[in-house]
PDB file of N, CA and C in Angstrom:
ATOM      1  N   MET A   1     -21.322   0.357  27.379  1.00  0.00           N
ATOM      2  CA  MET A   1     -20.462   1.124  26.499  1.00  0.00           C
ATOM      3  C   MET A   1     -21.216   1.341  25.183  1.00  0.00           C
ATOM      4  N   SER A   2     -21.245   2.567  24.724  1.00  0.00           N
ATOM      5  CA  SER A   2     -21.958   2.883  23.492  1.00  0.00           C
ATOM      6  C   SER A   2     -21.145   2.426  22.285  1.00  0.00           C
ATOM      7  N   GLU A   3     -21.808   2.413  21.150  1.00  0.00           N
ATOM      8  CA  GLU A   3     -21.148   1.984  19.914  1.00  0.00           C
ATOM      9  C   GLU A   3     -19.994   2.919  19.550  1.00  0.00           C
ATOM     10  N   VAL A   4     -20.182   4.207  19.765  1.00  0.00           N
ATOM     11  CA  VAL A   4     -19.135   5.183  19.461  1.00  0.00           C
ATOM     12  C   VAL A   4     -17.939   4.975  20.391  1.00  0.00           C
ATOM     13  N   GLU A   5     -18.200   4.719  21.672  1.00  0.00           N
ATOM     14  CA  GLU A   5     -17.114   4.470  22.622  1.00  0.00           C
ATOM     15  C   GLU A   5     -16.366   3.190  22.271  1.00  0.00           C
ATOM     16  N   MET A   6     -17.112   2.159  21.844  1.00  0.00           N
ATOM     17  CA  MET A   6     -16.474   0.907  21.444  1.00  0.00           C
ATOM     18  C   MET A   6     -15.597   1.111  20.220  1.00  0.00           C
ATOM     19  N   GLU A   7     -16.099   1.880  19.254  1.00  0.00           N
ATOM     20  CA  GLU A   7     -15.318   2.144  18.042  1.00  0.00           C
ATOM     21  C   GLU A   7     -14.066   2.943  18.385  1.00  0.00           C
ATOM     22  N   ASP A   8     -14.202   3.940  19.262  1.00  0.00           N
ATOM     23  CA  ASP A   8     -13.046   4.734  19.680  1.00  0.00           C
ATOM     24  C   ASP A   8     -12.010   3.859  20.386  1.00  0.00           C
ATOM     25  N   ARG A   9     -12.480   2.963  21.237  1.00  0.00           N
ATOM     26  CA  ARG A   9     -11.573   2.052  21.946  1.00  0.00           C
ATOM     27  C   ARG A   9     -10.872   1.113  20.968  1.00  0.00           C
ATOM     28  N   PHE A  10     -11.628   0.607  19.976  1.00  0.00           N
ATOM     29  CA  PHE A  10     -11.050  -0.271  18.962  1.00  0.00           C
ATOM     30  C   PHE A  10      -9.956   0.460  18.192  1.00  0.00           C
ATOM     31  N   VAL A  11     -10.237   1.689  17.784  1.00  0.00           N
ATOM     32  CA  VAL A  11      -9.250   2.479  17.041  1.00  0.00           C
ATOM     33  C   VAL A  11      -8.023   2.721  17.904  1.00  0.00           C
ATOM     34  N   GLU A  12      -8.223   2.994  19.185  1.00  0.00           N
ATOM     35  CA  GLU A  12      -7.112   3.217  20.105  1.00  0.00           C
ATOM     36  C   GLU A  12      -6.226   1.977  20.216  1.00  0.00           C
ATOM     37  N   VAL A  13      -6.845   0.809  20.369  1.00  0.00           N
ATOM     38  CA  VAL A  13      -6.086  -0.441  20.465  1.00  0.00           C
ATOM     39  C   VAL A  13      -5.379  -0.736  19.149  1.00  0.00           C
ATOM     40  N   LEU A  14      -6.063  -0.488  18.048  1.00  0.00           N
ATOM     41  CA  LEU A  14      -5.483  -0.718  16.725  1.00  0.00           C
ATOM     42  C   LEU A  14      -4.269   0.182  16.499  1.00  0.00           C
ATOM     43  N   GLU A  15      -4.392   1.448  16.838  1.00  0.00           N
ATOM     44  CA  GLU A  15      -3.276   2.373  16.670  1.00  0.00           C
ATOM     45  C   GLU A  15      -2.111   1.999  17.585  1.00  0.00           C
ATOM     46  N   GLU A  16      -2.419   1.509  18.777  1.00  0.00           N
ATOM     47  CA  GLU A  16      -1.383   1.051  19.698  1.00  0.00           C
ATOM     48  C   GLU A  16      -0.632  -0.147  19.103  1.00  0.00           C
ATOM     49  N   PHE A  17      -1.379  -1.087  18.512  1.00  0.00           N
ATOM     50  CA  PHE A  17      -0.756  -2.246  17.863  1.00  0.00           C
ATOM     51  C   PHE A  17       0.129  -1.794  16.703  1.00  0.00           C
ATOM     52  N   LEU A  18      -0.378  -0.875  15.876  1.00  0.00           N
ATOM     53  CA  LEU A  18       0.381  -0.416  14.712  1.00  0.00           C
ATOM     54  C   LEU A  18       1.628   0.366  15.110  1.00  0.00           C
ATOM     55  N   ALA A  19       1.664   0.877  16.345  1.00  0.00           N
ATOM     56  CA  ALA A  19       2.840   1.593  16.845  1.00  0.00           C
ATOM     57  C   ALA A  19       3.804   0.659  17.581  1.00  0.00           C
ATOM     58  N   SER A  20       3.470  -0.630  17.645  1.00  0.00           N
ATOM     59  CA  SER A  20       4.299  -1.586  18.384  1.00  0.00           C
ATOM     60  C   SER A  20       5.627  -1.825  17.676  1.00  0.00           C
ATOM     61  N   ALA A  21       6.556  -2.372  18.433  1.00  0.00           N
ATOM     62  CA  ALA A  21       7.899  -2.640  17.904  1.00  0.00           C
ATOM     63  C   ALA A  21       7.859  -3.636  16.745  1.00  0.00           C
ATOM     64  N   LEU A  22       6.996  -4.649  16.832  1.00  0.00           N
ATOM     65  CA  LEU A  22       6.925  -5.659  15.775  1.00  0.00           C
ATOM     66  C   LEU A  22       6.467  -5.045  14.455  1.00  0.00           C
ATOM     67  N   VAL A  23       5.445  -4.226  14.503  1.00  0.00           N
ATOM     68  CA  VAL A  23       4.957  -3.582  13.276  1.00  0.00           C
ATOM     69  C   VAL A  23       5.996  -2.593  12.762  1.00  0.00           C
ATOM     70  N   ALA A  24       6.645  -1.874  13.648  1.00  0.00           N
ATOM     71  CA  ALA A  24       7.711  -0.945  13.230  1.00  0.00           C
ATOM     72  C   ALA A  24       8.824  -1.707  12.519  1.00  0.00           C
ATOM     73  N   TRP A  25       9.182  -2.885  13.050  1.00  0.00           N
ATOM     74  CA  TRP A  25      10.222  -3.697  12.426  1.00  0.00           C
ATOM     75  C   TRP A  25       9.780  -4.173  11.040  1.00  0.00           C
ATOM     76  N   VAL A  26       8.550  -4.639  10.923  1.00  0.00           N
ATOM     77  CA  VAL A  26       8.037  -5.112   9.635  1.00  0.00           C
ATOM     78  C   VAL A  26       8.019  -3.972   8.624  1.00  0.00           C
ATOM     79  N   ARG A  27       7.694  -2.769   9.084  1.00  0.00           N
ATOM     80  CA  ARG A  27       7.658  -1.612   8.181  1.00  0.00           C
ATOM     81  C   ARG A  27       9.026  -1.292   7.588  1.00  0.00           C
ATOM     82  N   THR A  28      10.097  -1.698   8.255  1.00  0.00           N
ATOM     83  CA  THR A  28      11.429  -1.423   7.707  1.00  0.00           C
ATOM     84  C   THR A  28      11.661  -2.160   6.395  1.00  0.00           C
ATOM     85  N   PHE A  29      10.861  -3.175   6.115  1.00  0.00           N
ATOM     86  CA  PHE A  29      10.994  -3.951   4.887  1.00  0.00           C
ATOM     87  C   PHE A  29      10.221  -3.351   3.710  1.00  0.00           C
ATOM     88  N   GLU A  30       9.398  -2.338   3.949  1.00  0.00           N
ATOM     89  CA  GLU A  30       8.573  -1.771   2.883  1.00  0.00           C
ATOM     90  C   GLU A  30       9.349  -1.423   1.615  1.00  0.00           C
ATOM     91  N   PRO A  31      10.497  -0.745   1.719  1.00  0.00           N
ATOM     92  CA  PRO A  31      11.223  -0.397   0.487  1.00  0.00           C
ATOM     93  C   PRO A  31      11.797  -1.610  -0.247  1.00  0.00           C
ATOM     94  N   LEU A  32      11.953  -2.727   0.448  1.00  0.00           N
ATOM     95  CA  LEU A  32      12.564  -3.906  -0.146  1.00  0.00           C
ATOM     96  C   LEU A  32      11.554  -4.871  -0.764  1.00  0.00           C
ATOM     97  N   VAL A  33      10.312  -4.743  -0.375  1.00  0.00           N
ATOM     98  CA  VAL A  33       9.291  -5.687  -0.825  1.00  0.00           C
ATOM     99  C   VAL A  33       8.788  -5.284  -2.194  1.00  0.00           C
ATOM    100  N   GLU A  34       8.876  -6.233  -3.126  1.00  0.00           N
ATOM    101  CA  GLU A  34       8.422  -6.006  -4.490  1.00  0.00           C
ATOM    102  C   GLU A  34       6.930  -5.723  -4.499  1.00  0.00           C
ATOM    103  N   GLY A  35       6.527  -4.692  -5.183  1.00  0.00           N
ATOM    104  CA  GLY A  35       5.115  -4.348  -5.256  1.00  0.00           C
ATOM    105  C   GLY A  35       4.661  -3.543  -4.059  1.00  0.00           C
ATOM    106  N   GLY A  36       5.521  -3.412  -3.050  1.00  0.00           N
ATOM    107  CA  GLY A  36       5.251  -2.612  -1.866  1.00  0.00           C
ATOM    108  C   GLY A  36       3.864  -2.729  -1.303  1.00  0.00           C
ATOM    109  N   CYS A  37       3.734  -2.454  -0.054  1.00  0.00           N
ATOM    110  CA  CYS A  37       2.456  -2.498   0.624  1.00  0.00           C
ATOM    111  C   CYS A  37       2.073  -1.115   1.094  1.00  0.00           C
ATOM    112  N   GLU A  38       3.077  -0.286   1.311  1.00  0.00           N
ATOM    113  CA  GLU A  38       2.902   1.073   1.791  1.00  0.00           C
ATOM    114  C   GLU A  38       1.986   1.123   2.997  1.00  0.00           C
ATOM    115  N   LEU A  39       2.390   0.440   4.051  1.00  0.00           N
ATOM    116  CA  LEU A  39       1.611   0.435   5.284  1.00  0.00           C
ATOM    117  C   LEU A  39       1.499   1.822   5.897  1.00  0.00           C
ATOM    118  N   SER A  40       2.446   2.677   5.599  1.00  0.00           N
ATOM    119  CA  SER A  40       2.418   4.004   6.191  1.00  0.00           C
ATOM    120  C   SER A  40       1.807   5.040   5.247  1.00  0.00           C
ATOM    121  N   ALA A  41       1.371   4.616   4.074  1.00  0.00           N
ATOM    122  CA  ALA A  41       0.767   5.563   3.136  1.00  0.00           C
ATOM    123  C   ALA A  41      -0.590   6.015   3.648  1.00  0.00           C
ATOM    124  N   PRO A  42      -0.938   7.280   3.443  1.00  0.00           N
ATOM    125  CA  PRO A  42      -2.222   7.758   3.930  1.00  0.00           C
ATOM    126  C   PRO A  42      -3.385   7.123   3.191  1.00  0.00           C
ATOM    127  N   TYR A  43      -4.433   6.891   3.912  1.00  0.00           N
ATOM    128  CA  TYR A  43      -5.658   6.335   3.341  1.00  0.00           C
ATOM    129  C   TYR A  43      -6.321   7.417   2.509  1.00  0.00           C
ATOM    130  N   LEU A  44      -7.061   7.055   1.498  1.00  0.00           N
ATOM    131  CA  LEU A  44      -7.601   8.036   0.567  1.00  0.00           C
ATOM    132  C   LEU A  44      -8.882   8.722   1.033  1.00  0.00           C
ATOM    133  N   GLU A  45      -9.176   8.703   2.308  1.00  0.00           N
ATOM    134  CA  GLU A  45     -10.311   9.451   2.824  1.00  0.00           C
ATOM    135  C   GLU A  45      -9.796  10.676   3.529  1.00  0.00           C
ATOM    136  N   VAL A  46     -10.553  11.739   3.428  1.00  0.00           N
ATOM    137  CA  VAL A  46     -10.126  12.994   4.017  1.00  0.00           C
ATOM    138  C   VAL A  46     -10.260  12.931   5.532  1.00  0.00           C
ATOM    139  N   ASN A  47      -9.178  13.286   6.244  1.00  0.00           N
ATOM    140  CA  ASN A  47      -9.189  13.451   7.690  1.00  0.00           C
ATOM    141  C   ASN A  47      -9.758  12.255   8.429  1.00  0.00           C
ATOM    142  N   SER A  48      -9.233  11.085   8.189  1.00  0.00           N
ATOM    143  CA  SER A  48      -9.783   9.893   8.813  1.00  0.00           C
ATOM    144  C   SER A  48      -8.687   8.986   9.346  1.00  0.00           C
ATOM    145  N   ASN A  49      -8.246   9.258  10.572  1.00  0.00           N
ATOM    146  CA  ASN A  49      -7.189   8.453  11.183  1.00  0.00           C
ATOM    147  C   ASN A  49      -7.641   7.031  11.439  1.00  0.00           C
ATOM    148  N   SER A  50      -8.907   6.834  11.808  1.00  0.00           N
ATOM    149  CA  SER A  50      -9.385   5.483  12.096  1.00  0.00           C
ATOM    150  C   SER A  50      -9.382   4.628  10.836  1.00  0.00           C
ATOM    151  N   HIS A  51      -9.731   5.226   9.697  1.00  0.00           N
ATOM    152  CA  HIS A  51      -9.696   4.469   8.445  1.00  0.00           C
ATOM    153  C   HIS A  51      -8.262   4.178   8.028  1.00  0.00           C
ATOM    154  N   ASP A  52      -7.348   5.104   8.319  1.00  0.00           N
ATOM    155  CA  ASP A  52      -5.937   4.893   8.006  1.00  0.00           C
ATOM    156  C   ASP A  52      -5.400   3.709   8.809  1.00  0.00           C
ATOM    157  N   ALA A  53      -5.674   3.695  10.099  1.00  0.00           N
ATOM    158  CA  ALA A  53      -5.222   2.596  10.954  1.00  0.00           C
ATOM    159  C   ALA A  53      -5.848   1.283  10.511  1.00  0.00           C
ATOM    160  N   LEU A  54      -7.116   1.289  10.224  1.00  0.00           N
ATOM    161  CA  LEU A  54      -7.805   0.073   9.784  1.00  0.00           C
ATOM    162  C   LEU A  54      -7.241  -0.407   8.448  1.00  0.00           C
ATOM    163  N   GLY A  55      -6.986   0.511   7.532  1.00  0.00           N
ATOM    164  CA  GLY A  55      -6.408   0.139   6.236  1.00  0.00           C
ATOM    165  C   GLY A  55      -5.036  -0.488   6.380  1.00  0.00           C
ATOM    166  N   GLN A  56      -4.195   0.098   7.246  1.00  0.00           N
ATOM    167  CA  GLN A  56      -2.870  -0.457   7.485  1.00  0.00           C
ATOM    168  C   GLN A  56      -2.975  -1.851   8.102  1.00  0.00           C
ATOM    169  N   TYR A  57      -3.887  -2.000   9.046  1.00  0.00           N
ATOM    170  CA  TYR A  57      -4.088  -3.294   9.703  1.00  0.00           C
ATOM    171  C   TYR A  57      -4.556  -4.347   8.702  1.00  0.00           C
ATOM    172  N   LEU A  58      -5.503  -3.981   7.842  1.00  0.00           N
ATOM    173  CA  LEU A  58      -6.021  -4.934   6.855  1.00  0.00           C
ATOM    174  C   LEU A  58      -4.943  -5.335   5.853  1.00  0.00           C
ATOM    175  N   GLN A  59      -4.027  -4.422   5.532  1.00  0.00           N
ATOM    176  CA  GLN A  59      -2.930  -4.773   4.631  1.00  0.00           C
ATOM    177  C   GLN A  59      -2.003  -5.789   5.282  1.00  0.00           C
ATOM    178  N   LEU A  60      -1.831  -5.690   6.583  1.00  0.00           N
ATOM    179  CA  LEU A  60      -1.048  -6.710   7.283  1.00  0.00           C
ATOM    180  C   LEU A  60      -1.828  -8.009   7.381  1.00  0.00           C
ATOM    181  N   LEU A  61      -3.114  -7.879   7.638  1.00  0.00           N
ATOM    182  CA  LEU A  61      -3.962  -9.041   7.882  1.00  0.00           C
ATOM    183  C   LEU A  61      -4.146  -9.922   6.652  1.00  0.00           C
ATOM    184  N   ASP A  62      -4.070  -9.363   5.453  1.00  0.00           N
ATOM    185  CA  ASP A  62      -4.307 -10.206   4.272  1.00  0.00           C
ATOM    186  C   ASP A  62      -3.161 -11.167   3.992  1.00  0.00           C
ATOM    187  N   GLY A  63      -1.996 -10.945   4.624  1.00  0.00           N
ATOM    188  CA  GLY A  63      -0.914 -11.915   4.554  1.00  0.00           C
ATOM    189  C   GLY A  63       0.048 -11.762   3.388  1.00  0.00           C
ATOM    190  N   VAL A  64      -0.295 -10.965   2.403  1.00  0.00           N
ATOM    191  CA  VAL A  64       0.560 -10.833   1.219  1.00  0.00           C
ATOM    192  C   VAL A  64       1.879 -10.159   1.589  1.00  0.00           C
ATOM    193  N   PHE A  65       1.804  -9.020   2.257  1.00  0.00           N
ATOM    194  CA  PHE A  65       3.008  -8.292   2.621  1.00  0.00           C
ATOM    195  C   PHE A  65       3.884  -9.112   3.566  1.00  0.00           C
ATOM    196  N   LEU A  66       3.278  -9.743   4.559  1.00  0.00           N
ATOM    197  CA  LEU A  66       4.049 -10.542   5.516  1.00  0.00           C
ATOM    198  C   LEU A  66       4.726 -11.727   4.841  1.00  0.00           C
ATOM    199  N   ASN A  67       4.052 -12.353   3.867  1.00  0.00           N
ATOM    200  CA  ASN A  67       4.677 -13.441   3.118  1.00  0.00           C
ATOM    201  C   ASN A  67       5.871 -12.927   2.315  1.00  0.00           C
ATOM    202  N   ARG A  68       5.748 -11.746   1.742  1.00  0.00           N
ATOM    203  CA  ARG A  68       6.862 -11.172   0.969  1.00  0.00           C
ATOM    204  C   ARG A  68       8.043 -10.848   1.875  1.00  0.00           C
ATOM    205  N   VAL A  69       7.758 -10.350   3.076  1.00  0.00           N
ATOM    206  CA  VAL A  69       8.830 -10.065   4.037  1.00  0.00           C
ATOM    207  C   VAL A  69       9.540 -11.357   4.414  1.00  0.00           C
ATOM    208  N   LEU A  70       8.774 -12.404   4.698  1.00  0.00           N
ATOM    209  CA  LEU A  70       9.388 -13.668   5.084  1.00  0.00           C
ATOM    210  C   LEU A  70      10.214 -14.250   3.945  1.00  0.00           C
ATOM    211  N   ARG A  71       9.805 -14.033   2.706  1.00  0.00           N
ATOM    212  CA  ARG A  71      10.595 -14.519   1.569  1.00  0.00           C
ATOM    213  C   ARG A  71      11.910 -13.747   1.424  1.00  0.00           C
ATOM    214  N   LEU A  72      11.964 -12.517   1.939  1.00  0.00           N
ATOM    215  CA  LEU A  72      13.236 -11.795   1.982  1.00  0.00           C
ATOM    216  C   LEU A  72      14.161 -12.425   3.015  1.00  0.00           C
ATOM    217  N   ILE A  73      13.581 -12.834   4.139  1.00  0.00           N
ATOM    218  CA  ILE A  73      14.361 -13.442   5.216  1.00  0.00           C
ATOM    219  C   ILE A  73      14.795 -14.848   4.830  1.00  0.00           C
ATOM    220  N   ASP A  74      13.877 -15.614   4.255  1.00  0.00           N
ATOM    221  CA  ASP A  74      14.146 -16.992   3.831  1.00  0.00           C
ATOM    222  C   ASP A  74      13.676 -17.134   2.388  1.00  0.00           C
ATOM    223  N   PRO A  75      14.567 -16.928   1.424  1.00  0.00           N
ATOM    224  CA  PRO A  75      14.159 -16.940   0.017  1.00  0.00           C
ATOM    225  C   PRO A  75      13.922 -18.331  -0.566  1.00  0.00           C
ATOM    226  N   ASN A  76      14.063 -19.377   0.235  1.00  0.00           N
ATOM    227  CA  ASN A  76      13.922 -20.732  -0.283  1.00  0.00           C
ATOM    228  C   ASN A  76      12.750 -21.500   0.327  1.00  0.00           C
ATOM    229  N   PRO A  77      11.581 -20.928   0.356  1.00  0.00           N
ATOM    230  CA  PRO A  77      10.466 -21.690   0.911  1.00  0.00           C
ATOM    231  C   PRO A  77       9.915 -22.658  -0.123  1.00  0.00           C
ATOM    232  N   LYS A  78       9.084 -23.574   0.351  1.00  0.00           N
ATOM    233  CA  LYS A  78       8.340 -24.405  -0.582  1.00  0.00           C
ATOM    234  C   LYS A  78       7.487 -23.460  -1.422  1.00  0.00           C
ATOM    235  N   ALA A  79       7.503 -23.614  -2.726  1.00  0.00           N
ATOM    236  CA  ALA A  79       6.787 -22.690  -3.611  1.00  0.00           C
ATOM    237  C   ALA A  79       5.282 -22.797  -3.395  1.00  0.00           C
ATOM    238  N   GLU A  80       4.723 -21.739  -2.874  1.00  0.00           N
ATOM    239  CA  GLU A  80       3.281 -21.651  -2.703  1.00  0.00           C
ATOM    240  C   GLU A  80       2.840 -20.274  -3.163  1.00  0.00           C
ATOM    241  N   ARG A  81       1.754 -20.243  -3.873  1.00  0.00           N
ATOM    242  CA  ARG A  81       1.252 -18.988  -4.411  1.00  0.00           C
ATOM    243  C   ARG A  81       0.479 -18.246  -3.340  1.00  0.00           C
ATOM    244  N   VAL A  82       0.814 -16.965  -3.149  1.00  0.00           N
ATOM    245  CA  VAL A  82       0.105 -16.085  -2.233  1.00  0.00           C
ATOM    246  C   VAL A  82      -0.848 -15.247  -3.069  1.00  0.00           C
ATOM    247  N   TYR A  83      -2.074 -15.128  -2.620  1.00  0.00           N
ATOM    248  CA  TYR A  83      -3.110 -14.456  -3.396  1.00  0.00           C
ATOM    249  C   TYR A  83      -3.389 -13.065  -2.865  1.00  0.00           C
ATOM    250  N   ARG A  84      -3.345 -12.078  -3.756  1.00  0.00           N
ATOM    251  CA  ARG A  84      -3.711 -10.715  -3.377  1.00  0.00           C
ATOM    252  C   ARG A  84      -5.201 -10.709  -3.065  1.00  0.00           C
ATOM    253  N   ASN A  85      -5.512 -10.162  -1.916  1.00  0.00           N
ATOM    254  CA  ASN A  85      -6.881 -10.175  -1.418  1.00  0.00           C
ATOM    255  C   ASN A  85      -7.513  -8.810  -1.658  1.00  0.00           C
ATOM    256  N   GLU A  86      -8.178  -8.651  -2.786  1.00  0.00           N
ATOM    257  CA  GLU A  86      -8.702  -7.350  -3.167  1.00  0.00           C
ATOM    258  C   GLU A  86     -10.126  -7.104  -2.674  1.00  0.00           C
ATOM    259  N   ARG A  87     -10.847  -8.143  -2.331  1.00  0.00           N
ATOM    260  CA  ARG A  87     -12.240  -7.965  -1.909  1.00  0.00           C
ATOM    261  C   ARG A  87     -12.466  -8.403  -0.464  1.00  0.00           C
ATOM    262  N   SER A  88     -11.417  -8.375   0.342  1.00  0.00           N
ATOM    263  CA  SER A  88     -11.487  -8.799   1.747  1.00  0.00           C
ATOM    264  C   SER A  88     -12.101 -10.182   1.887  1.00  0.00           C
ATOM    265  N   ASP A  89     -11.665 -11.083   1.026  1.00  0.00           N
ATOM    266  CA  ASP A  89     -12.150 -12.458   1.041  1.00  0.00           C
ATOM    267  C   ASP A  89     -11.487 -13.205   2.193  1.00  0.00           C
ATOM    268  N   GLU A  90     -12.290 -13.660   3.136  1.00  0.00           N
ATOM    269  CA  GLU A  90     -11.755 -14.342   4.322  1.00  0.00           C
ATOM    270  C   GLU A  90     -11.027 -15.628   3.965  1.00  0.00           C
ATOM    271  N   VAL A  91     -11.498 -16.338   2.943  1.00  0.00           N
ATOM    272  CA  VAL A  91     -10.872 -17.600   2.543  1.00  0.00           C
ATOM    273  C   VAL A  91      -9.450 -17.346   2.045  1.00  0.00           C
ATOM    274  N   LEU A  92      -9.267 -16.320   1.221  1.00  0.00           N
ATOM    275  CA  LEU A  92      -7.922 -15.989   0.730  1.00  0.00           C
ATOM    276  C   LEU A  92      -7.033 -15.525   1.872  1.00  0.00           C
ATOM    277  N   ARG A  93      -7.594 -14.758   2.791  1.00  0.00           N
ATOM    278  CA  ARG A  93      -6.823 -14.281   3.942  1.00  0.00           C
ATOM    279  C   ARG A  93      -6.327 -15.465   4.765  1.00  0.00           C
ATOM    280  N   VAL A  94      -7.201 -16.408   5.044  1.00  0.00           N
ATOM    281  CA  VAL A  94      -6.820 -17.592   5.826  1.00  0.00           C
ATOM    282  C   VAL A  94      -5.785 -18.410   5.065  1.00  0.00           C
ATOM    283  N   GLN A  95      -5.970 -18.552   3.764  1.00  0.00           N
ATOM    284  CA  GLN A  95      -5.014 -19.307   2.958  1.00  0.00           C
ATOM    285  C   GLN A  95      -3.635 -18.642   2.988  1.00  0.00           C
ATOM    286  N   ASN A  96      -3.581 -17.326   2.819  1.00  0.00           N
ATOM    287  CA  ASN A  96      -2.302 -16.610   2.857  1.00  0.00           C
ATOM    288  C   ASN A  96      -1.636 -16.724   4.219  1.00  0.00           C
ATOM    289  N   LEU A  97      -2.416 -16.603   5.278  1.00  0.00           N
ATOM    290  CA  LEU A  97      -1.846 -16.701   6.618  1.00  0.00           C
ATOM    291  C   LEU A  97      -1.427 -18.139   6.939  1.00  0.00           C
ATOM    292  N   SER A  98      -2.112 -19.126   6.374  1.00  0.00           N
ATOM    293  CA  SER A  98      -1.695 -20.523   6.543  1.00  0.00           C
ATOM    294  C   SER A  98      -0.349 -20.766   5.866  1.00  0.00           C
ATOM    295  N   ILE A  99      -0.175 -20.202   4.685  1.00  0.00           N
ATOM    296  CA  ILE A  99       1.108 -20.304   3.980  1.00  0.00           C
ATOM    297  C   ILE A  99       2.198 -19.646   4.820  1.00  0.00           C
ATOM    298  N   LEU A 100       1.892 -18.493   5.384  1.00  0.00           N
ATOM    299  CA  LEU A 100       2.845 -17.785   6.230  1.00  0.00           C
ATOM    300  C   LEU A 100       3.251 -18.621   7.442  1.00  0.00           C
ATOM    301  N   THR A 101       2.292 -19.229   8.116  1.00  0.00           N
ATOM    302  CA  THR A 101       2.622 -20.028   9.308  1.00  0.00           C
ATOM    303  C   THR A 101       3.415 -21.278   8.942  1.00  0.00           C
ATOM    304  N   ARG A 102       3.093 -21.914   7.816  1.00  0.00           N
ATOM    305  CA  ARG A 102       3.875 -23.082   7.377  1.00  0.00           C
ATOM    306  C   ARG A 102       5.320 -22.674   7.079  1.00  0.00           C
ATOM    307  N   HIS A 103       5.483 -21.545   6.399  1.00  0.00           N
ATOM    308  CA  HIS A 103       6.815 -21.062   6.051  1.00  0.00           C
ATOM    309  C   HIS A 103       7.597 -20.715   7.325  1.00  0.00           C
ATOM    310  N   LEU A 104       6.939 -20.045   8.278  1.00  0.00           N
ATOM    311  CA  LEU A 104       7.589 -19.725   9.551  1.00  0.00           C
ATOM    312  C   LEU A 104       8.001 -20.990  10.296  1.00  0.00           C
ATOM    313  N   ARG A 105       7.104 -21.972  10.333  1.00  0.00           N
ATOM    314  CA  ARG A 105       7.394 -23.231  11.019  1.00  0.00           C
ATOM    315  C   ARG A 105       8.592 -23.923  10.367  1.00  0.00           C
ATOM    316  N   GLN A 106       8.584 -23.996   9.039  1.00  0.00           N
ATOM    317  CA  GLN A 106       9.679 -24.639   8.309  1.00  0.00           C
ATOM    318  C   GLN A 106      10.997 -23.897   8.563  1.00  0.00           C
ATOM    319  N   TYR A 107      10.973 -22.583   8.513  1.00  0.00           N
ATOM    320  CA  TYR A 107      12.176 -21.785   8.750  1.00  0.00           C
ATOM    321  C   TYR A 107      12.690 -22.004  10.170  1.00  0.00           C
ATOM    322  N   TYR A 108      11.802 -22.018  11.141  1.00  0.00           N
ATOM    323  CA  TYR A 108      12.180 -22.247  12.533  1.00  0.00           C
ATOM    324  C   TYR A 108      12.800 -23.628  12.709  1.00  0.00           C
ATOM    325  N   GLN A 109      12.202 -24.641  12.094  1.00  0.00           N
ATOM    326  CA  GLN A 109      12.726 -25.999  12.214  1.00  0.00           C
ATOM    327  C   GLN A 109      14.116 -26.111  11.604  1.00  0.00           C
ATOM    328  N   VAL A 110      14.342 -25.486  10.468  1.00  0.00           N
ATOM    329  CA  VAL A 110      15.664 -25.502   9.837  1.00  0.00           C
ATOM    330  C   VAL A 110      16.675 -24.802  10.745  1.00  0.00           C
ATOM    331  N   CYS A 111      16.305 -23.651  11.290  1.00  0.00           N
ATOM    332  CA  CYS A 111      17.214 -22.922  12.186  1.00  0.00           C
ATOM    333  C   CYS A 111      17.524 -23.744  13.432  1.00  0.00           C
ATOM    334  N   GLU A 112      16.515 -24.397  13.990  1.00  0.00           N
ATOM    335  CA  GLU A 112      16.713 -25.232  15.172  1.00  0.00           C
ATOM    336  C   GLU A 112      17.642 -26.408  14.874  1.00  0.00           C
ATOM    337  N   SER A 113      17.432 -27.071  13.743  1.00  0.00           N
ATOM    338  CA  SER A 113      18.284 -28.219  13.406  1.00  0.00           C
ATOM    339  C   SER A 113      19.722 -27.773  13.147  1.00  0.00           C
ATOM    340  N   GLU A 114      19.900 -26.619  12.540  1.00  0.00           N
ATOM    341  CA  GLU A 114      21.252 -26.095  12.320  1.00  0.00           C
ATOM    342  C   GLU A 114      21.919 -25.758  13.644  1.00  0.00           C
ATOM    343  N   ARG A 115      21.161 -25.189  14.559  1.00  0.00           N
ATOM    344  CA  ARG A 115      21.718 -24.839  15.872  1.00  0.00           C
ATOM    345  C   ARG A 115      22.086 -26.098  16.656  1.00  0.00           C
ATOM    346  N   GLU A 116      21.267 -27.112  16.562  1.00  0.00           N
ATOM    347  CA  GLU A 116      21.554 -28.378  17.256  1.00  0.00           C
ATOM    348  C   GLU A 116      22.801 -29.042  16.672  1.00  0.00           C
ATOM    349  N   SER A 117      22.942 -29.017  15.349  1.00  0.00           N
ATOM    350  CA  SER A 117      24.115 -29.645  14.728  1.00  0.00           C
ATOM    351  C   SER A 117      25.394 -28.895  15.070  1.00  0.00           C
ATOM    352  N   VAL A 118      25.306 -27.597  15.250  1.00  0.00           N
ATOM    353  CA  VAL A 118      26.475 -26.808  15.624  1.00  0.00           C
ATOM    354  C   VAL A 118      26.859 -27.072  17.079  1.00  0.00           C
ATOM    355  N   SER A 119      25.868 -27.251  17.939  1.00  0.00           N
ATOM    356  CA  SER A 119      26.160 -27.465  19.370  1.00  0.00           C
ATOM    357  C   SER A 119      26.672 -28.879  19.647  1.00  0.00           C
ATOM    358  N   LEU A 120      26.506 -29.804  18.703  1.00  0.00           N
ATOM    359  CA  LEU A 120      27.023 -31.165  18.903  1.00  0.00           C
ATOM    360  C   LEU A 120      28.460 -31.155  18.633  1.00  0.00           C
TER     361      LEU A 120
END
């Protein structure tokens, strides 16, 4: 497979992911999230769908928007600072996503314990 074919396939898979139900659901929070992420905003390059898809994906990948969405769902997490990742710093991305997974785990555990107490 040539490099161009691989890039085309990557863009195809990326666009398929961005059209998925989960991403569509997350996008419904855009107007509610402070500072907005504008996942659907056009990329500032002329006629470049692949860059638009990649830009939208990277905005999800940095973890800032997803952390803000989760704080709308569960506004009482352990206070942890989420860092805006302006230079595609992998360390900040991992840190933001770690905060997201801890918050998700904590929220799930609280929901599970509440459900168990109700079923008793």
